[in-house]
Amino acid sequence: MRQPPSIDAWGGGGFRVAGLWRPGSLLILDDVARDWSVASLAALTPDDFADVLANRDAVEFVLLGTGLTPGLPSREVRDVLKAAGVGLEFMATEAAARTYNLVASEGRRVAAALIAV
């Protein structure tokens, strides 16, 4: 099992993950940080979770960072994750990044889907 990457900073349109700057939105899945093409909560679709759904055995739940403020993802997004047995917690990106660091350090199988701010 890999060591989960830490989110060291956020803002300015990206994230510093394990000491490296990553511009844009971020998906951390199975302890691997990768680019995520989502730019806003309004643009979020179930297809944006294709990697999560393909690896759902590696994920208990997704922490969704919705941007500067908390927001409710569409019913379609919530229903697709629920049908796959993947939990969803959503909050502002800053709170989601902090929560990810805590939950990942506990060894939980969590994915972080964070919209850049």
PDB file of N, CA and C in Angstrom:
ATOM      1  N   MET A   1       0.839  -1.192   0.000  1.00  0.00           N
ATOM      2  CA  MET A   1       0.000   0.000   0.000  1.00  0.00           C
ATOM      3  C   MET A   1       0.877   1.247   0.000  1.00  0.00           C
ATOM      4  N   ARG A   2       0.535   2.183  -0.857  1.00  0.00           N
ATOM      5  CA  ARG A   2       1.268   3.442  -0.946  1.00  0.00           C
ATOM      6  C   ARG A   2       0.906   4.365   0.212  1.00  0.00           C
ATOM      7  N   GLN A   3       1.814   5.274   0.482  1.00  0.00           N
ATOM      8  CA  GLN A   3       1.540   6.345   1.441  1.00  0.00           C
ATOM      9  C   GLN A   3       0.633   7.362   0.750  1.00  0.00           C
ATOM     10  N   PRO A   4      -0.493   7.751   1.351  1.00  0.00           N
ATOM     11  CA  PRO A   4      -1.344   8.741   0.696  1.00  0.00           C
ATOM     12  C   PRO A   4      -0.623  10.079   0.585  1.00  0.00           C
ATOM     13  N   PRO A   5      -0.777  10.766  -0.542  1.00  0.00           N
ATOM     14  CA  PRO A   5      -0.141  12.069  -0.679  1.00  0.00           C
ATOM     15  C   PRO A   5      -0.846  13.102   0.197  1.00  0.00           C
ATOM     16  N   SER A   6      -0.083  14.014   0.759  1.00  0.00           N
ATOM     17  CA  SER A   6      -0.691  15.069   1.566  1.00  0.00           C
ATOM     18  C   SER A   6      -0.970  16.285   0.690  1.00  0.00           C
ATOM     19  N   ILE A   7      -2.059  16.949   0.999  1.00  0.00           N
ATOM     20  CA  ILE A   7      -2.384  18.212   0.337  1.00  0.00           C
ATOM     21  C   ILE A   7      -1.827  19.298   1.242  1.00  0.00           C
ATOM     22  N   ASP A   8      -0.740  19.924   0.779  1.00  0.00           N
ATOM     23  CA  ASP A   8      -0.021  20.892   1.601  1.00  0.00           C
ATOM     24  C   ASP A   8      -0.596  22.298   1.504  1.00  0.00           C
ATOM     25  N   ALA A   9      -1.192  22.637   0.355  1.00  0.00           N
ATOM     26  CA  ALA A   9      -1.747  23.979   0.159  1.00  0.00           C
ATOM     27  C   ALA A   9      -2.764  23.933  -0.973  1.00  0.00           C
ATOM     28  N   TRP A  10      -3.660  24.921  -0.980  1.00  0.00           N
ATOM     29  CA  TRP A  10      -4.673  25.028  -2.029  1.00  0.00           C
ATOM     30  C   TRP A  10      -4.953  26.498  -2.263  1.00  0.00           C
ATOM     31  N   GLY A  11      -5.437  26.787  -3.441  1.00  0.00           N
ATOM     32  CA  GLY A  11      -5.722  28.168  -3.816  1.00  0.00           C
ATOM     33  C   GLY A  11      -4.854  28.562  -5.002  1.00  0.00           C
ATOM     34  N   GLY A  12      -5.092  29.730  -5.534  1.00  0.00           N
ATOM     35  CA  GLY A  12      -4.320  30.186  -6.679  1.00  0.00           C
ATOM     36  C   GLY A  12      -4.529  29.322  -7.914  1.00  0.00           C
ATOM     37  N   GLY A  13      -5.675  28.625  -7.954  1.00  0.00           N
ATOM     38  CA  GLY A  13      -5.992  27.800  -9.116  1.00  0.00           C
ATOM     39  C   GLY A  13      -5.399  26.412  -9.110  1.00  0.00           C
ATOM     40  N   GLY A  14      -4.936  25.937  -7.953  1.00  0.00           N
ATOM     41  CA  GLY A  14      -4.380  24.585  -7.905  1.00  0.00           C
ATOM     42  C   GLY A  14      -4.072  24.140  -6.485  1.00  0.00           C
ATOM     43  N   PHE A  15      -3.186  23.155  -6.380  1.00  0.00           N
ATOM     44  CA  PHE A  15      -2.881  22.504  -5.107  1.00  0.00           C
ATOM     45  C   PHE A  15      -1.390  22.183  -5.039  1.00  0.00           C
ATOM     46  N   ARG A  16      -0.834  22.229  -3.847  1.00  0.00           N
ATOM     47  CA  ARG A  16       0.499  21.675  -3.629  1.00  0.00           C
ATOM     48  C   ARG A  16       0.290  20.331  -2.953  1.00  0.00           C
ATOM     49  N   VAL A  17       0.688  19.272  -3.653  1.00  0.00           N
ATOM     50  CA  VAL A  17       0.467  17.905  -3.188  1.00  0.00           C
ATOM     51  C   VAL A  17       1.829  17.248  -3.008  1.00  0.00           C
ATOM     52  N   ALA A  18       2.081  16.792  -1.777  1.00  0.00           N
ATOM     53  CA  ALA A  18       3.357  16.155  -1.455  1.00  0.00           C
ATOM     54  C   ALA A  18       4.529  17.018  -1.932  1.00  0.00           C
ATOM     55  N   GLY A  19       4.392  18.337  -1.752  1.00  0.00           N
ATOM     56  CA  GLY A  19       5.459  19.267  -2.081  1.00  0.00           C
ATOM     57  C   GLY A  19       5.508  19.745  -3.515  1.00  0.00           C
ATOM     58  N   LEU A  20       4.674  19.217  -4.394  1.00  0.00           N
ATOM     59  CA  LEU A  20       4.688  19.597  -5.812  1.00  0.00           C
ATOM     60  C   LEU A  20       3.427  20.377  -6.171  1.00  0.00           C
ATOM     61  N   TRP A  21       3.611  21.497  -6.894  1.00  0.00           N
ATOM     62  CA  TRP A  21       2.474  22.306  -7.332  1.00  0.00           C
ATOM     63  C   TRP A  21       1.762  21.610  -8.485  1.00  0.00           C
ATOM     64  N   ARG A  22       0.435  21.522  -8.393  1.00  0.00           N
ATOM     65  CA  ARG A  22      -0.400  20.935  -9.444  1.00  0.00           C
ATOM     66  C   ARG A  22      -1.483  21.944  -9.798  1.00  0.00           C
ATOM     67  N   PRO A  23      -1.405  22.565 -10.965  1.00  0.00           N
ATOM     68  CA  PRO A  23      -2.444  23.520 -11.360  1.00  0.00           C
ATOM     69  C   PRO A  23      -3.744  22.794 -11.703  1.00  0.00           C
ATOM     70  N   GLY A  24      -4.859  23.464 -11.470  1.00  0.00           N
ATOM     71  CA  GLY A  24      -6.159  22.909 -11.831  1.00  0.00           C
ATOM     72  C   GLY A  24      -6.747  22.023 -10.762  1.00  0.00           C
ATOM     73  N   SER A  25      -7.889  21.454 -11.078  1.00  0.00           N
ATOM     74  CA  SER A  25      -8.604  20.571 -10.149  1.00  0.00           C
ATOM     75  C   SER A  25      -7.855  19.266  -9.990  1.00  0.00           C
ATOM     76  N   LEU A  26      -8.180  18.542  -8.928  1.00  0.00           N
ATOM     77  CA  LEU A  26      -7.380  17.403  -8.494  1.00  0.00           C
ATOM     78  C   LEU A  26      -8.274  16.231  -8.111  1.00  0.00           C
ATOM     79  N   LEU A  27      -7.857  15.036  -8.512  1.00  0.00           N
ATOM     80  CA  LEU A  27      -8.489  13.802  -8.071  1.00  0.00           C
ATOM     81  C   LEU A  27      -7.409  12.940  -7.444  1.00  0.00           C
ATOM     82  N   ILE A  28      -7.623  12.540  -6.200  1.00  0.00           N
ATOM     83  CA  ILE A  28      -6.717  11.590  -5.551  1.00  0.00           C
ATOM     84  C   ILE A  28      -7.503  10.312  -5.373  1.00  0.00           C
ATOM     85  N   LEU A  29      -7.007   9.261  -6.006  1.00  0.00           N
ATOM     86  CA  LEU A  29      -7.690   7.973  -6.006  1.00  0.00           C
ATOM     87  C   LEU A  29      -6.653   6.878  -5.822  1.00  0.00           C
ATOM     88  N   ASP A  30      -6.890   5.985  -4.895  1.00  0.00           N
ATOM     89  CA  ASP A  30      -5.963   4.884  -4.617  1.00  0.00           C
ATOM     90  C   ASP A  30      -4.560   5.435  -4.343  1.00  0.00           C
ATOM     91  N   ASP A  31      -4.504   6.527  -3.584  1.00  0.00           N
ATOM     92  CA  ASP A  31      -3.263   7.174  -3.157  1.00  0.00           C
ATOM     93  C   ASP A  31      -2.430   7.733  -4.301  1.00  0.00           C
ATOM     94  N   VAL A  32      -3.058   8.023  -5.433  1.00  0.00           N
ATOM     95  CA  VAL A  32      -2.378   8.628  -6.567  1.00  0.00           C
ATOM     96  C   VAL A  32      -3.089   9.934  -6.919  1.00  0.00           C
ATOM     97  N   ALA A  33      -2.335  11.035  -6.964  1.00  0.00           N
ATOM     98  CA  ALA A  33      -2.882  12.333  -7.349  1.00  0.00           C
ATOM     99  C   ALA A  33      -2.842  12.445  -8.866  1.00  0.00           C
ATOM    100  N   ARG A  34      -3.944  12.920  -9.434  1.00  0.00           N
ATOM    101  CA  ARG A  34      -4.026  13.079 -10.888  1.00  0.00           C
ATOM    102  C   ARG A  34      -4.840  14.322 -11.223  1.00  0.00           C
ATOM    103  N   ASP A  35      -4.642  14.827 -12.429  1.00  0.00           N
ATOM    104  CA  ASP A  35      -5.423  15.968 -12.891  1.00  0.00           C
ATOM    105  C   ASP A  35      -6.884  15.555 -13.010  1.00  0.00           C
ATOM    106  N   TRP A  36      -7.774  16.513 -12.753  1.00  0.00           N
ATOM    107  CA  TRP A  36      -9.219  16.284 -12.868  1.00  0.00           C
ATOM    108  C   TRP A  36      -9.770  17.450 -13.666  1.00  0.00           C
ATOM    109  N   SER A  37     -10.510  17.202 -14.697  1.00  0.00           N
ATOM    110  CA  SER A  37     -10.901  18.239 -15.660  1.00  0.00           C
ATOM    111  C   SER A  37     -12.053  19.136 -15.201  1.00  0.00           C
ATOM    112  N   VAL A  38     -12.619  18.901 -14.050  1.00  0.00           N
ATOM    113  CA  VAL A  38     -13.789  19.667 -13.590  1.00  0.00           C
ATOM    114  C   VAL A  38     -13.371  21.079 -13.172  1.00  0.00           C
ATOM    115  N   ALA A  39     -14.073  22.079 -13.694  1.00  0.00           N
ATOM    116  CA  ALA A  39     -13.753  23.471 -13.376  1.00  0.00           C
ATOM    117  C   ALA A  39     -14.766  24.121 -12.440  1.00  0.00           C
ATOM    118  N   SER A  40     -15.975  23.529 -12.327  1.00  0.00           N
ATOM    119  CA  SER A  40     -16.993  24.115 -11.453  1.00  0.00           C
ATOM    120  C   SER A  40     -18.004  23.044 -11.043  1.00  0.00           C
ATOM    121  N   LEU A  41     -18.679  23.306  -9.938  1.00  0.00           N
ATOM    122  CA  LEU A  41     -19.724  22.396  -9.473  1.00  0.00           C
ATOM    123  C   LEU A  41     -20.843  22.293 -10.503  1.00  0.00           C
ATOM    124  N   ALA A  42     -21.188  23.412 -11.130  1.00  0.00           N
ATOM    125  CA  ALA A  42     -22.264  23.428 -12.124  1.00  0.00           C
ATOM    126  C   ALA A  42     -21.950  22.535 -13.323  1.00  0.00           C
ATOM    127  N   ALA A  43     -20.667  22.354 -13.632  1.00  0.00           N
ATOM    128  CA  ALA A  43     -20.270  21.543 -14.786  1.00  0.00           C
ATOM    129  C   ALA A  43     -20.069  20.067 -14.438  1.00  0.00           C
ATOM    130  N   LEU A  44     -20.178  19.707 -13.175  1.00  0.00           N
ATOM    131  CA  LEU A  44     -19.917  18.342 -12.713  1.00  0.00           C
ATOM    132  C   LEU A  44     -20.973  17.366 -13.228  1.00  0.00           C
ATOM    133  N   THR A  45     -20.525  16.236 -13.801  1.00  0.00           N
ATOM    134  CA  THR A  45     -21.437  15.199 -14.301  1.00  0.00           C
ATOM    135  C   THR A  45     -21.009  13.840 -13.752  1.00  0.00           C
ATOM    136  N   PRO A  46     -21.868  12.843 -13.845  1.00  0.00           N
ATOM    137  CA  PRO A  46     -21.464  11.497 -13.427  1.00  0.00           C
ATOM    138  C   PRO A  46     -20.215  10.996 -14.158  1.00  0.00           C
ATOM    139  N   ASP A  47     -20.024  11.396 -15.408  1.00  0.00           N
ATOM    140  CA  ASP A  47     -18.837  10.962 -16.156  1.00  0.00           C
ATOM    141  C   ASP A  47     -17.547  11.411 -15.493  1.00  0.00           C
ATOM    142  N   ASP A  48     -17.588  12.479 -14.723  1.00  0.00           N
ATOM    143  CA  ASP A  48     -16.389  12.967 -14.039  1.00  0.00           C
ATOM    144  C   ASP A  48     -15.927  12.014 -12.935  1.00  0.00           C
ATOM    145  N   PHE A  49     -16.764  11.056 -12.599  1.00  0.00           N
ATOM    146  CA  PHE A  49     -16.427  10.072 -11.575  1.00  0.00           C
ATOM    147  C   PHE A  49     -16.137   8.690 -12.172  1.00  0.00           C
ATOM    148  N   ALA A  50     -15.883   8.635 -13.475  1.00  0.00           N
ATOM    149  CA  ALA A  50     -15.635   7.356 -14.151  1.00  0.00           C
ATOM    150  C   ALA A  50     -14.469   6.598 -13.513  1.00  0.00           C
ATOM    151  N   ASP A  51     -13.373   7.298 -13.196  1.00  0.00           N
ATOM    152  CA  ASP A  51     -12.224   6.625 -12.573  1.00  0.00           C
ATOM    153  C   ASP A  51     -12.576   6.098 -11.187  1.00  0.00           C
ATOM    154  N   VAL A  52     -13.346   6.860 -10.444  1.00  0.00           N
ATOM    155  CA  VAL A  52     -13.774   6.425  -9.111  1.00  0.00           C
ATOM    156  C   VAL A  52     -14.643   5.176  -9.229  1.00  0.00           C
ATOM    157  N   LEU A  53     -15.593   5.203 -10.143  1.00  0.00           N
ATOM    158  CA  LEU A  53     -16.491   4.064 -10.306  1.00  0.00           C
ATOM    159  C   LEU A  53     -15.748   2.825 -10.803  1.00  0.00           C
ATOM    160  N   ALA A  54     -14.760   3.022 -11.659  1.00  0.00           N
ATOM    161  CA  ALA A  54     -13.977   1.890 -12.170  1.00  0.00           C
ATOM    162  C   ALA A  54     -13.105   1.271 -11.073  1.00  0.00           C
ATOM    163  N   ASN A  55     -12.828   2.044 -10.023  1.00  0.00           N
ATOM    164  CA  ASN A  55     -11.988   1.576  -8.919  1.00  0.00           C
ATOM    165  C   ASN A  55     -12.745   1.576  -7.600  1.00  0.00           C
ATOM    166  N   ARG A  56     -14.045   1.337  -7.656  1.00  0.00           N
ATOM    167  CA  ARG A  56     -14.861   1.502  -6.448  1.00  0.00           C
ATOM    168  C   ARG A  56     -14.478   0.565  -5.314  1.00  0.00           C
ATOM    169  N   ASP A  57     -13.784  -0.530  -5.602  1.00  0.00           N
ATOM    170  CA  ASP A  57     -13.329  -1.403  -4.516  1.00  0.00           C
ATOM    171  C   ASP A  57     -12.244  -0.727  -3.678  1.00  0.00           C
ATOM    172  N   ALA A  58     -11.597   0.300  -4.227  1.00  0.00           N
ATOM    173  CA  ALA A  58     -10.540   1.023  -3.522  1.00  0.00           C
ATOM    174  C   ALA A  58     -11.081   2.243  -2.777  1.00  0.00           C
ATOM    175  N   VAL A  59     -12.413   2.453  -2.812  1.00  0.00           N
ATOM    176  CA  VAL A  59     -12.982   3.695  -2.284  1.00  0.00           C
ATOM    177  C   VAL A  59     -14.188   3.406  -1.388  1.00  0.00           C
ATOM    178  N   GLU A  60     -14.130   3.888  -0.153  1.00  0.00           N
ATOM    179  CA  GLU A  60     -15.309   3.864   0.717  1.00  0.00           C
ATOM    180  C   GLU A  60     -16.219   5.039   0.376  1.00  0.00           C
ATOM    181  N   PHE A  61     -15.586   6.209   0.214  1.00  0.00           N
ATOM    182  CA  PHE A  61     -16.364   7.397  -0.084  1.00  0.00           C
ATOM    183  C   PHE A  61     -15.483   8.431  -0.777  1.00  0.00           C
ATOM    184  N   VAL A  62     -16.159   9.399  -1.392  1.00  0.00           N
ATOM    185  CA  VAL A  62     -15.507  10.499  -2.085  1.00  0.00           C
ATOM    186  C   VAL A  62     -15.718  11.769  -1.270  1.00  0.00           C
ATOM    187  N   LEU A  63     -14.629  12.497  -1.051  1.00  0.00           N
ATOM    188  CA  LEU A  63     -14.712  13.846  -0.506  1.00  0.00           C
ATOM    189  C   LEU A  63     -14.694  14.796  -1.685  1.00  0.00           C
ATOM    190  N   LEU A  64     -15.788  15.467  -1.918  1.00  0.00           N
ATOM    191  CA  LEU A  64     -15.908  16.386  -3.038  1.00  0.00           C
ATOM    192  C   LEU A  64     -15.730  17.815  -2.547  1.00  0.00           C
ATOM    193  N   GLY A  65     -14.696  18.474  -3.042  1.00  0.00           N
ATOM    194  CA  GLY A  65     -14.484  19.890  -2.773  1.00  0.00           C
ATOM    195  C   GLY A  65     -15.205  20.694  -3.838  1.00  0.00           C
ATOM    196  N   THR A  66     -16.209  21.449  -3.445  1.00  0.00           N
ATOM    197  CA  THR A  66     -17.134  22.078  -4.393  1.00  0.00           C
ATOM    198  C   THR A  66     -16.713  23.468  -4.851  1.00  0.00           C
ATOM    199  N   GLY A  67     -15.564  23.945  -4.411  1.00  0.00           N
ATOM    200  CA  GLY A  67     -15.113  25.282  -4.768  1.00  0.00           C
ATOM    201  C   GLY A  67     -15.008  26.151  -3.526  1.00  0.00           C
ATOM    202  N   LEU A  68     -15.199  27.452  -3.694  1.00  0.00           N
ATOM    203  CA  LEU A  68     -15.051  28.385  -2.569  1.00  0.00           C
ATOM    204  C   LEU A  68     -16.120  28.203  -1.497  1.00  0.00           C
ATOM    205  N   THR A  69     -17.304  27.767  -1.902  1.00  0.00           N
ATOM    206  CA  THR A  69     -18.397  27.606  -0.950  1.00  0.00           C
ATOM    207  C   THR A  69     -18.987  26.203  -1.078  1.00  0.00           C
ATOM    208  N   PRO A  70     -19.604  25.718  -0.010  1.00  0.00           N
ATOM    209  CA  PRO A  70     -20.260  24.415  -0.099  1.00  0.00           C
ATOM    210  C   PRO A  70     -21.410  24.479  -1.106  1.00  0.00           C
ATOM    211  N   GLY A  71     -21.633  23.385  -1.798  1.00  0.00           N
ATOM    212  CA  GLY A  71     -22.729  23.326  -2.752  1.00  0.00           C
ATOM    213  C   GLY A  71     -23.172  21.890  -2.944  1.00  0.00           C
ATOM    214  N   LEU A  72     -24.388  21.731  -3.330  1.00  0.00           N
ATOM    215  CA  LEU A  72     -24.982  20.408  -3.519  1.00  0.00           C
ATOM    216  C   LEU A  72     -24.733  19.932  -4.950  1.00  0.00           C
ATOM    217  N   PRO A  73     -24.056  18.775  -5.110  1.00  0.00           N
ATOM    218  CA  PRO A  73     -23.913  18.219  -6.465  1.00  0.00           C
ATOM    219  C   PRO A  73     -25.281  17.805  -7.006  1.00  0.00           C
ATOM    220  N   SER A  74     -25.379  17.665  -8.303  1.00  0.00           N
ATOM    221  CA  SER A  74     -26.662  17.313  -8.921  1.00  0.00           C
ATOM    222  C   SER A  74     -27.169  15.963  -8.406  1.00  0.00           C
ATOM    223  N   ARG A  75     -28.456  15.783  -8.483  1.00  0.00           N
ATOM    224  CA  ARG A  75     -29.089  14.518  -8.101  1.00  0.00           C
ATOM    225  C   ARG A  75     -28.486  13.378  -8.915  1.00  0.00           C
ATOM    226  N   GLU A  76     -28.234  13.607 -10.185  1.00  0.00           N
ATOM    227  CA  GLU A  76     -27.672  12.580 -11.063  1.00  0.00           C
ATOM    228  C   GLU A  76     -26.310  12.095 -10.545  1.00  0.00           C
ATOM    229  N   VAL A  77     -25.455  13.005 -10.147  1.00  0.00           N
ATOM    230  CA  VAL A  77     -24.142  12.646  -9.595  1.00  0.00           C
ATOM    231  C   VAL A  77     -24.321  11.854  -8.305  1.00  0.00           C
ATOM    232  N   ARG A  78     -25.161  12.349  -7.422  1.00  0.00           N
ATOM    233  CA  ARG A  78     -25.383  11.660  -6.138  1.00  0.00           C
ATOM    234  C   ARG A  78     -25.945  10.268  -6.345  1.00  0.00           C
ATOM    235  N   ASP A  79     -26.896  10.128  -7.275  1.00  0.00           N
ATOM    236  CA  ASP A  79     -27.518   8.826  -7.517  1.00  0.00           C
ATOM    237  C   ASP A  79     -26.546   7.808  -8.112  1.00  0.00           C
ATOM    238  N   VAL A  80     -25.675   8.247  -9.021  1.00  0.00           N
ATOM    239  CA  VAL A  80     -24.716   7.324  -9.644  1.00  0.00           C
ATOM    240  C   VAL A  80     -23.745   6.772  -8.604  1.00  0.00           C
ATOM    241  N   LEU A  81     -23.238   7.642  -7.743  1.00  0.00           N
ATOM    242  CA  LEU A  81     -22.312   7.179  -6.708  1.00  0.00           C
ATOM    243  C   LEU A  81     -23.027   6.269  -5.708  1.00  0.00           C
ATOM    244  N   LYS A  82     -24.235   6.632  -5.324  1.00  0.00           N
ATOM    245  CA  LYS A  82     -24.999   5.809  -4.378  1.00  0.00           C
ATOM    246  C   LYS A  82     -25.268   4.424  -4.959  1.00  0.00           C
ATOM    247  N   ALA A  83     -25.654   4.367  -6.224  1.00  0.00           N
ATOM    248  CA  ALA A  83     -25.943   3.078  -6.871  1.00  0.00           C
ATOM    249  C   ALA A  83     -24.698   2.196  -6.930  1.00  0.00           C
ATOM    250  N   ALA A  84     -23.520   2.813  -6.982  1.00  0.00           N
ATOM    251  CA  ALA A  84     -22.264   2.050  -7.025  1.00  0.00           C
ATOM    252  C   ALA A  84     -21.772   1.688  -5.629  1.00  0.00           C
ATOM    253  N   GLY A  85     -22.485   2.139  -4.602  1.00  0.00           N
ATOM    254  CA  GLY A  85     -22.072   1.838  -3.235  1.00  0.00           C
ATOM    255  C   GLY A  85     -20.922   2.697  -2.745  1.00  0.00           C
ATOM    256  N   VAL A  86     -20.748   3.857  -3.354  1.00  0.00           N
ATOM    257  CA  VAL A  86     -19.686   4.790  -2.977  1.00  0.00           C
ATOM    258  C   VAL A  86     -20.324   5.976  -2.257  1.00  0.00           C
ATOM    259  N   GLY A  87     -19.892   6.216  -1.028  1.00  0.00           N
ATOM    260  CA  GLY A  87     -20.412   7.343  -0.270  1.00  0.00           C
ATOM    261  C   GLY A  87     -19.911   8.662  -0.835  1.00  0.00           C
ATOM    262  N   LEU A  88     -20.604   9.745  -0.503  1.00  0.00           N
ATOM    263  CA  LEU A  88     -20.242  11.067  -0.981  1.00  0.00           C
ATOM    264  C   LEU A  88     -20.392  12.070   0.149  1.00  0.00           C
ATOM    265  N   GLU A  89     -19.328  12.808   0.406  1.00  0.00           N
ATOM    266  CA  GLU A  89     -19.356  13.939   1.330  1.00  0.00           C
ATOM    267  C   GLU A  89     -18.928  15.151   0.522  1.00  0.00           C
ATOM    268  N   PHE A  90     -19.655  16.229   0.618  1.00  0.00           N
ATOM    269  CA  PHE A  90     -19.312  17.413  -0.157  1.00  0.00           C
ATOM    270  C   PHE A  90     -19.247  18.626   0.756  1.00  0.00           C
ATOM    271  N   MET A  91     -18.272  19.470   0.469  1.00  0.00           N
ATOM    272  CA  MET A  91     -18.007  20.668   1.268  1.00  0.00           C
ATOM    273  C   MET A  91     -17.123  21.590   0.438  1.00  0.00           C
ATOM    274  N   ALA A  92     -16.882  22.788   0.920  1.00  0.00           N
ATOM    275  CA  ALA A  92     -15.975  23.698   0.227  1.00  0.00           C
ATOM    276  C   ALA A  92     -14.618  23.019   0.051  1.00  0.00           C
ATOM    277  N   THR A  93     -13.908  23.379  -0.999  1.00  0.00           N
ATOM    278  CA  THR A  93     -12.637  22.727  -1.316  1.00  0.00           C
ATOM    279  C   THR A  93     -11.646  22.803  -0.157  1.00  0.00           C
ATOM    280  N   GLU A  94     -11.541  23.940   0.492  1.00  0.00           N
ATOM    281  CA  GLU A  94     -10.598  24.066   1.614  1.00  0.00           C
ATOM    282  C   GLU A  94     -10.894  23.044   2.706  1.00  0.00           C
ATOM    283  N   ALA A  95     -12.150  22.908   3.082  1.00  0.00           N
ATOM    284  CA  ALA A  95     -12.538  21.939   4.107  1.00  0.00           C
ATOM    285  C   ALA A  95     -12.311  20.511   3.622  1.00  0.00           C
ATOM    286  N   ALA A  96     -12.591  20.250   2.357  1.00  0.00           N
ATOM    287  CA  ALA A  96     -12.396  18.897   1.814  1.00  0.00           C
ATOM    288  C   ALA A  96     -10.923  18.519   1.807  1.00  0.00           C
ATOM    289  N   ALA A  97     -10.043  19.466   1.481  1.00  0.00           N
ATOM    290  CA  ALA A  97      -8.605  19.183   1.479  1.00  0.00           C
ATOM    291  C   ALA A  97      -8.112  18.849   2.883  1.00  0.00           C
ATOM    292  N   ARG A  98      -8.539  19.639   3.869  1.00  0.00           N
ATOM    293  CA  ARG A  98      -8.149  19.364   5.263  1.00  0.00           C
ATOM    294  C   ARG A  98      -8.693  18.017   5.721  1.00  0.00           C
ATOM    295  N   THR A  99      -9.952  17.751   5.394  1.00  0.00           N
ATOM    296  CA  THR A  99     -10.580  16.491   5.799  1.00  0.00           C
ATOM    297  C   THR A  99      -9.887  15.307   5.139  1.00  0.00           C
ATOM    298  N   TYR A 100      -9.535  15.447   3.859  1.00  0.00           N
ATOM    299  CA  TYR A 100      -8.819  14.377   3.164  1.00  0.00           C
ATOM    300  C   TYR A 100      -7.525  14.029   3.914  1.00  0.00           C
ATOM    301  N   ASN A 101      -6.743  15.033   4.267  1.00  0.00           N
ATOM    302  CA  ASN A 101      -5.480  14.759   4.957  1.00  0.00           C
ATOM    303  C   ASN A 101      -5.710  13.960   6.235  1.00  0.00           C
ATOM    304  N   LEU A 102      -6.713  14.328   6.982  1.00  0.00           N
ATOM    305  CA  LEU A 102      -7.013  13.635   8.236  1.00  0.00           C
ATOM    306  C   LEU A 102      -7.481  12.197   7.982  1.00  0.00           C
ATOM    307  N   VAL A 103      -8.455  12.048   7.118  1.00  0.00           N
ATOM    308  CA  VAL A 103      -9.046  10.727   6.866  1.00  0.00           C
ATOM    309  C   VAL A 103      -8.031   9.785   6.206  1.00  0.00           C
ATOM    310  N   ALA A 104      -7.256  10.294   5.263  1.00  0.00           N
ATOM    311  CA  ALA A 104      -6.253   9.460   4.595  1.00  0.00           C
ATOM    312  C   ALA A 104      -5.172   9.017   5.578  1.00  0.00           C
ATOM    313  N   SER A 105      -4.808   9.896   6.530  1.00  0.00           N
ATOM    314  CA  SER A 105      -3.786   9.527   7.514  1.00  0.00           C
ATOM    315  C   SER A 105      -4.261   8.414   8.438  1.00  0.00           C
ATOM    316  N   GLU A 106      -5.571   8.238   8.529  1.00  0.00           N
ATOM    317  CA  GLU A 106      -6.151   7.156   9.334  1.00  0.00           C
ATOM    318  C   GLU A 106      -6.204   5.832   8.574  1.00  0.00           C
ATOM    319  N   GLY A 107      -5.790   5.862   7.304  1.00  0.00           N
ATOM    320  CA  GLY A 107      -5.792   4.638   6.504  1.00  0.00           C
ATOM    321  C   GLY A 107      -7.129   4.326   5.858  1.00  0.00           C
ATOM    322  N   ARG A 108      -8.037   5.274   5.843  1.00  0.00           N
ATOM    323  CA  ARG A 108      -9.347   5.050   5.224  1.00  0.00           C
ATOM    324  C   ARG A 108      -9.210   5.043   3.707  1.00  0.00           C
ATOM    325  N   ARG A 109     -10.078   4.327   3.045  1.00  0.00           N
ATOM    326  CA  ARG A 109     -10.083   4.245   1.580  1.00  0.00           C
ATOM    327  C   ARG A 109     -10.952   5.372   1.042  1.00  0.00           C
ATOM    328  N   VAL A 110     -10.339   6.518   0.865  1.00  0.00           N
ATOM    329  CA  VAL A 110     -11.064   7.723   0.471  1.00  0.00           C
ATOM    330  C   VAL A 110     -10.494   8.259  -0.839  1.00  0.00           C
ATOM    331  N   ALA A 111     -11.370   8.808  -1.638  1.00  0.00           N
ATOM    332  CA  ALA A 111     -10.956   9.546  -2.825  1.00  0.00           C
ATOM    333  C   ALA A 111     -11.255  11.012  -2.572  1.00  0.00           C
ATOM    334  N   ALA A 112     -10.399  11.893  -3.079  1.00  0.00           N
ATOM    335  CA  ALA A 112     -10.637  13.328  -2.998  1.00  0.00           C
ATOM    336  C   ALA A 112     -10.840  13.844  -4.405  1.00  0.00           C
ATOM    337  N   ALA A 113     -11.949  14.499  -4.629  1.00  0.00           N
ATOM    338  CA  ALA A 113     -12.266  15.127  -5.916  1.00  0.00           C
ATOM    339  C   ALA A 113     -12.424  16.612  -5.620  1.00  0.00           C
ATOM    340  N   LEU A 114     -11.394  17.392  -5.945  1.00  0.00           N
ATOM    341  CA  LEU A 114     -11.315  18.764  -5.472  1.00  0.00           C
ATOM    342  C   LEU A 114     -11.307  19.751  -6.630  1.00  0.00           C
ATOM    343  N   ILE A 115     -12.309  20.625  -6.656  1.00  0.00           N
ATOM    344  CA  ILE A 115     -12.388  21.669  -7.659  1.00  0.00           C
ATOM    345  C   ILE A 115     -11.461  22.800  -7.228  1.00  0.00           C
ATOM    346  N   ALA A 116     -10.557  23.182  -8.109  1.00  0.00           N
ATOM    347  CA  ALA A 116      -9.568  24.225  -7.795  1.00  0.00           C
ATOM    348  C   ALA A 116     -10.246  25.566  -7.531  1.00  0.00           C
ATOM    349  N   VAL A 117      -9.658  26.328  -6.613  1.00  0.00           N
ATOM    350  CA  VAL A 117     -10.124  27.674  -6.306  1.00  0.00           C
ATOM    351  C   VAL A 117      -8.982  28.659  -6.467  1.00  0.00           C
TER     352      VAL A 117
END
